[in-house]
Amino acid sequence: MPAATASKSQRAYELLHRRISAGELVPGYRLVLGTIAAELGCSTVPVREAIRRLEAEGLVAFEPNVGATVASVDAELYLHTMQTLSVIEGAATALAAPLLTPEDLARARALNADLRASLADFDPRRFTELNNRFHAAVYERCPNPHILDLVHRGWNRLNAMRASSFSHIPGRARQSVAEHDALLDLLEARAPAAEIERAARAHRTNTLNAYLAAGGHPPSAI
């Protein structure tokens, strides 16, 4: 792909990814290539490439006689994404733990304080944004690039579903903040990697099970 086309494709990808993640483009919304291309001032070729990337990440689906649409949230997709993240993000957090600086931990504490403050006037989108930043603060120093890449891919899929999950299970937000505090206690105490991994994994699984229970589904098998 020529450099100019690749650059335009990246712009289209970032624009659509941002709007889907923010909930501006809701599940089922039809992505019209010509309209998006006109907004970006380019041909439909880079837009098509961007949409293919989003489809690979699970954020876009193709429907017969309709075309590309924002992927619908379903329990099975959420289950598979969260099960995967519970394993790989737990590992990433445990591996990152020895590399976290006092400044990293202070930033994570501050973010969790913001999360706690947001509970008073709860906004699922704002909570989601802060939650994403909190978790990135404690796993981004993971020294294994392959694990970190898998975590990023999982979060890319999850971002399109987060507002929906916290809208359905707002009570889980308060529990999540408390679990963040417990995880930070372990990180600050330089607890064994296995203990940190178990706590991070259980935190993710607890959110998954709360979401499944709200939908009348059985809990995760792992």
Protein backbone atom coordinates (compact mmCIF):
# COMPACT_ATOMS: atom_id res chain seq x y z
CA MET A 1 0.00 0.00 0.00
CA PRO A 2 1.44 3.46 -0.95
CA ALA A 3 2.51 5.60 2.00
CA ALA A 4 -0.13 8.25 1.30
CA THR A 5 -2.90 5.65 1.23
CA ALA A 6 -1.59 4.04 4.40
CA SER A 7 -1.61 7.41 6.14
CA LYS A 8 -5.19 8.10 5.09
CA SER A 9 -6.19 4.60 6.13
CA GLN A 10 -4.69 5.23 9.58
CA ARG A 11 -6.64 8.48 9.89
CA ALA A 12 -9.86 6.70 8.96
CA TYR A 13 -9.11 3.89 11.39
CA GLU A 14 -8.40 6.28 14.27
CA LEU A 15 -11.53 8.33 13.56
CA LEU A 16 -13.84 5.32 13.46
CA HIS A 17 -12.16 3.56 16.35
CA ARG A 18 -12.52 6.66 18.53
CA ARG A 19 -16.20 7.13 17.66
CA ILE A 20 -17.07 3.48 18.20
CA SER A 21 -15.19 3.32 21.51
CA ALA A 22 -16.85 6.52 22.73
CA GLY A 23 -20.30 5.17 21.88
CA GLU A 24 -20.92 7.86 19.26
CA LEU A 25 -21.47 5.10 16.69
CA VAL A 26 -23.82 2.59 18.28
CA PRO A 27 -24.08 -1.14 17.52
CA GLY A 28 -25.81 -1.67 14.18
CA TYR A 29 -24.85 1.77 12.82
CA ARG A 30 -24.13 1.49 9.10
CA LEU A 31 -20.69 2.66 8.00
CA VAL A 32 -21.10 4.25 4.57
CA LEU A 33 -17.73 4.33 2.85
CA GLY A 34 -18.55 7.31 0.64
CA THR A 35 -19.74 9.45 3.56
CA ILE A 36 -16.65 8.68 5.64
CA ALA A 37 -14.35 9.26 2.68
CA ALA A 38 -15.99 12.63 1.98
CA GLU A 39 -15.49 13.69 5.61
CA LEU A 40 -11.81 12.78 5.43
CA GLY A 41 -11.30 14.15 1.94
CA CYS A 42 -10.04 10.88 0.47
CA SER A 43 -11.17 8.01 -1.74
CA THR A 44 -13.02 4.98 -0.40
CA VAL A 45 -9.90 2.77 -0.68
CA PRO A 46 -8.23 3.81 2.63
CA VAL A 47 -11.63 3.80 4.36
CA ARG A 48 -12.19 0.23 3.22
CA GLU A 49 -8.76 -0.75 4.60
CA ALA A 50 -9.57 0.91 7.93
CA ILE A 51 -12.88 -0.93 8.17
CA ARG A 52 -11.12 -4.25 7.52
CA ARG A 53 -8.81 -3.54 10.47
CA LEU A 54 -11.79 -2.76 12.66
CA GLU A 55 -13.50 -5.96 11.54
CA ALA A 56 -10.39 -7.96 12.53
CA GLU A 57 -10.60 -6.36 15.99
CA GLY A 58 -14.26 -7.31 16.34
CA LEU A 59 -15.54 -3.73 16.25
CA VAL A 60 -17.16 -3.92 12.81
CA ALA A 61 -19.27 -6.62 11.18
CA PHE A 62 -20.48 -7.17 7.63
CA GLU A 63 -24.15 -7.90 7.15
CA PRO A 64 -25.65 -9.25 3.91
CA ASN A 65 -27.40 -6.57 1.86
CA VAL A 66 -26.33 -3.95 4.40
CA GLY A 67 -22.55 -3.76 4.37
CA ALA A 68 -20.28 -2.70 7.19
CA THR A 69 -21.94 -1.93 10.52
CA VAL A 70 -20.74 -1.31 14.05
CA ALA A 71 -20.63 -4.75 15.66
CA SER A 72 -23.43 -5.61 18.04
CA VAL A 73 -22.57 -6.48 21.60
CA ASP A 74 -23.46 -10.03 22.53
CA ALA A 75 -22.83 -12.10 25.61
CA GLU A 76 -20.69 -14.63 23.77
CA LEU A 77 -18.31 -11.98 22.38
CA TYR A 78 -18.08 -10.34 25.80
CA LEU A 79 -17.47 -13.71 27.45
CA HIS A 80 -14.65 -14.67 25.08
CA THR A 81 -12.98 -11.26 25.25
CA MET A 82 -13.11 -11.07 29.03
CA GLN A 83 -11.95 -14.66 29.52
CA THR A 84 -8.95 -13.93 27.32
CA LEU A 85 -8.19 -10.67 29.10
CA SER A 86 -8.49 -12.28 32.52
CA VAL A 87 -5.60 -14.55 31.57
CA ILE A 88 -3.31 -12.27 29.57
CA GLU A 89 -3.89 -9.03 31.48
CA GLY A 90 -3.29 -10.82 34.76
CA ALA A 91 0.02 -12.07 33.37
CA ALA A 92 0.93 -8.64 31.98
CA THR A 93 0.23 -6.94 35.32
CA ALA A 94 2.29 -9.51 37.22
CA LEU A 95 5.20 -9.13 34.79
CA ALA A 96 4.98 -5.34 34.93
CA ALA A 97 4.90 -5.23 38.74
CA PRO A 98 8.68 -5.21 39.41
CA LEU A 99 9.14 -2.42 36.84
CA LEU A 100 6.50 -0.06 38.23
CA THR A 101 8.00 3.11 39.68
CA PRO A 102 6.65 5.02 42.68
CA GLU A 103 5.40 7.59 40.16
CA ASP A 104 3.52 4.88 38.24
CA LEU A 105 1.84 3.68 41.41
CA ALA A 106 1.01 7.21 42.52
CA ARG A 107 -0.60 7.88 39.14
CA ALA A 108 -2.64 4.68 39.43
CA ARG A 109 -3.76 5.67 42.94
CA ALA A 110 -4.81 9.10 41.68
CA LEU A 111 -6.77 7.56 38.82
CA ASN A 112 -8.56 5.22 41.21
CA ALA A 113 -9.38 8.20 43.44
CA ASP A 114 -10.93 9.86 40.38
CA LEU A 115 -12.88 6.67 39.72
CA ARG A 116 -14.19 6.68 43.28
CA ALA A 117 -15.17 10.36 43.03
CA SER A 118 -17.03 9.65 39.76
CA LEU A 119 -19.36 7.22 41.54
CA ALA A 120 -21.29 10.10 43.13
CA ASP A 121 -22.57 11.30 39.76
CA PHE A 122 -22.09 8.11 37.78
CA ASP A 123 -21.39 8.41 34.07
CA PRO A 124 -20.56 5.02 32.47
CA ARG A 125 -18.50 6.60 29.69
CA ARG A 126 -16.41 8.70 32.08
CA PHE A 127 -15.93 5.71 34.36
CA THR A 128 -14.85 3.61 31.38
CA GLU A 129 -12.28 6.18 30.28
CA LEU A 130 -10.73 6.41 33.75
CA ASN A 131 -10.87 2.64 34.16
CA ASN A 132 -8.97 2.13 30.91
CA ARG A 133 -6.28 4.56 32.05
CA PHE A 134 -5.99 2.88 35.45
CA HIS A 135 -5.41 -0.56 33.99
CA ALA A 136 -2.95 0.74 31.41
CA ALA A 137 -0.97 2.34 34.24
CA VAL A 138 -0.41 -1.04 35.91
CA TYR A 139 0.18 -3.28 32.88
CA GLU A 140 1.93 -1.06 30.29
CA ARG A 141 5.42 -1.76 31.67
CA CYS A 142 4.99 -5.47 30.88
CA PRO A 143 8.35 -6.46 29.33
CA ASN A 144 6.85 -9.20 27.12
CA PRO A 145 5.79 -7.45 23.89
CA HIS A 146 3.74 -10.42 22.67
CA ILE A 147 1.61 -10.52 25.81
CA LEU A 148 1.24 -6.74 25.75
CA ASP A 149 0.09 -6.87 22.11
CA LEU A 150 -2.58 -9.42 23.03
CA VAL A 151 -3.74 -7.23 25.91
CA HIS A 152 -4.06 -4.25 23.56
CA ARG A 153 -6.05 -6.33 21.09
CA GLY A 154 -8.39 -7.47 23.85
CA TRP A 155 -8.96 -3.92 25.06
CA ASN A 156 -9.62 -2.77 21.50
CA ARG A 157 -12.45 -5.27 21.31
CA LEU A 158 -13.63 -4.47 24.81
CA ASN A 159 -13.70 -0.70 24.33
CA ALA A 160 -16.74 -0.93 22.10
CA MET A 161 -18.59 -2.81 24.85
CA ARG A 162 -17.48 -1.06 28.05
CA ALA A 163 -20.14 1.65 28.22
CA SER A 164 -22.78 -1.03 27.74
CA SER A 165 -21.34 -3.24 30.48
CA PHE A 166 -21.21 -0.52 33.14
CA SER A 167 -24.64 0.74 32.11
CA HIS A 168 -26.01 -2.74 32.72
CA ILE A 169 -24.11 -3.35 35.96
CA PRO A 170 -23.53 0.07 37.59
CA GLY A 171 -23.20 -1.55 41.02
CA ARG A 172 -20.11 -3.35 39.78
CA ALA A 173 -18.30 0.00 39.40
CA ARG A 174 -18.04 0.52 43.18
CA GLN A 175 -16.78 -3.03 43.70
CA SER A 176 -14.28 -2.53 40.89
CA VAL A 177 -12.78 0.54 42.60
CA ALA A 178 -12.35 -1.43 45.85
CA GLU A 179 -10.62 -4.24 43.95
CA HIS A 180 -8.29 -1.68 42.34
CA ASP A 181 -7.25 -0.57 45.83
CA ALA A 182 -6.50 -4.16 46.84
CA LEU A 183 -4.46 -4.72 43.66
CA LEU A 184 -2.48 -1.53 44.28
CA ASP A 185 -1.78 -2.69 47.84
CA LEU A 186 -0.20 -5.85 46.42
CA LEU A 187 1.80 -3.92 43.83
CA GLU A 188 3.10 -1.45 46.41
CA ALA A 189 4.05 -4.29 48.76
CA ARG A 190 5.94 -6.04 45.95
CA ALA A 191 3.87 -9.15 46.51
CA PRO A 192 4.81 -12.38 44.67
CA ALA A 193 3.98 -12.40 40.96
CA ALA A 194 1.54 -15.30 41.34
CA GLU A 195 -0.45 -13.39 43.96
CA ILE A 196 -0.64 -10.28 41.78
CA GLU A 197 -1.66 -12.36 38.77
CA ARG A 198 -4.46 -14.04 40.74
CA ALA A 199 -5.81 -10.72 41.97
CA ALA A 200 -5.75 -9.10 38.53
CA ARG A 201 -7.35 -12.15 36.96
CA ALA A 202 -10.08 -12.38 39.62
CA HIS A 203 -10.85 -8.68 39.17
CA ARG A 204 -11.50 -9.15 35.46
CA THR A 205 -13.52 -12.35 36.05
CA ASN A 206 -15.68 -10.65 38.68
CA THR A 207 -16.74 -8.00 36.16
CA LEU A 208 -17.44 -10.68 33.57
CA ASN A 209 -19.59 -12.71 35.95
CA ALA A 210 -21.54 -9.64 37.08
CA TYR A 211 -22.34 -8.84 33.45
CA LEU A 212 -23.33 -12.43 32.67
CA ALA A 213 -25.53 -12.65 35.78
CA ALA A 214 -27.33 -9.44 34.80
CA GLY A 215 -28.18 -11.05 31.48
CA GLY A 216 -29.33 -14.30 33.03
CA HIS A 217 -26.29 -16.25 31.84
CA PRO A 218 -24.19 -18.73 33.86
CA PRO A 219 -20.83 -17.60 35.21
CA SER A 220 -17.58 -18.08 33.35
CA ALA A 221 -16.09 -21.54 33.58
CA ILE A 222 -12.69 -20.02 34.38
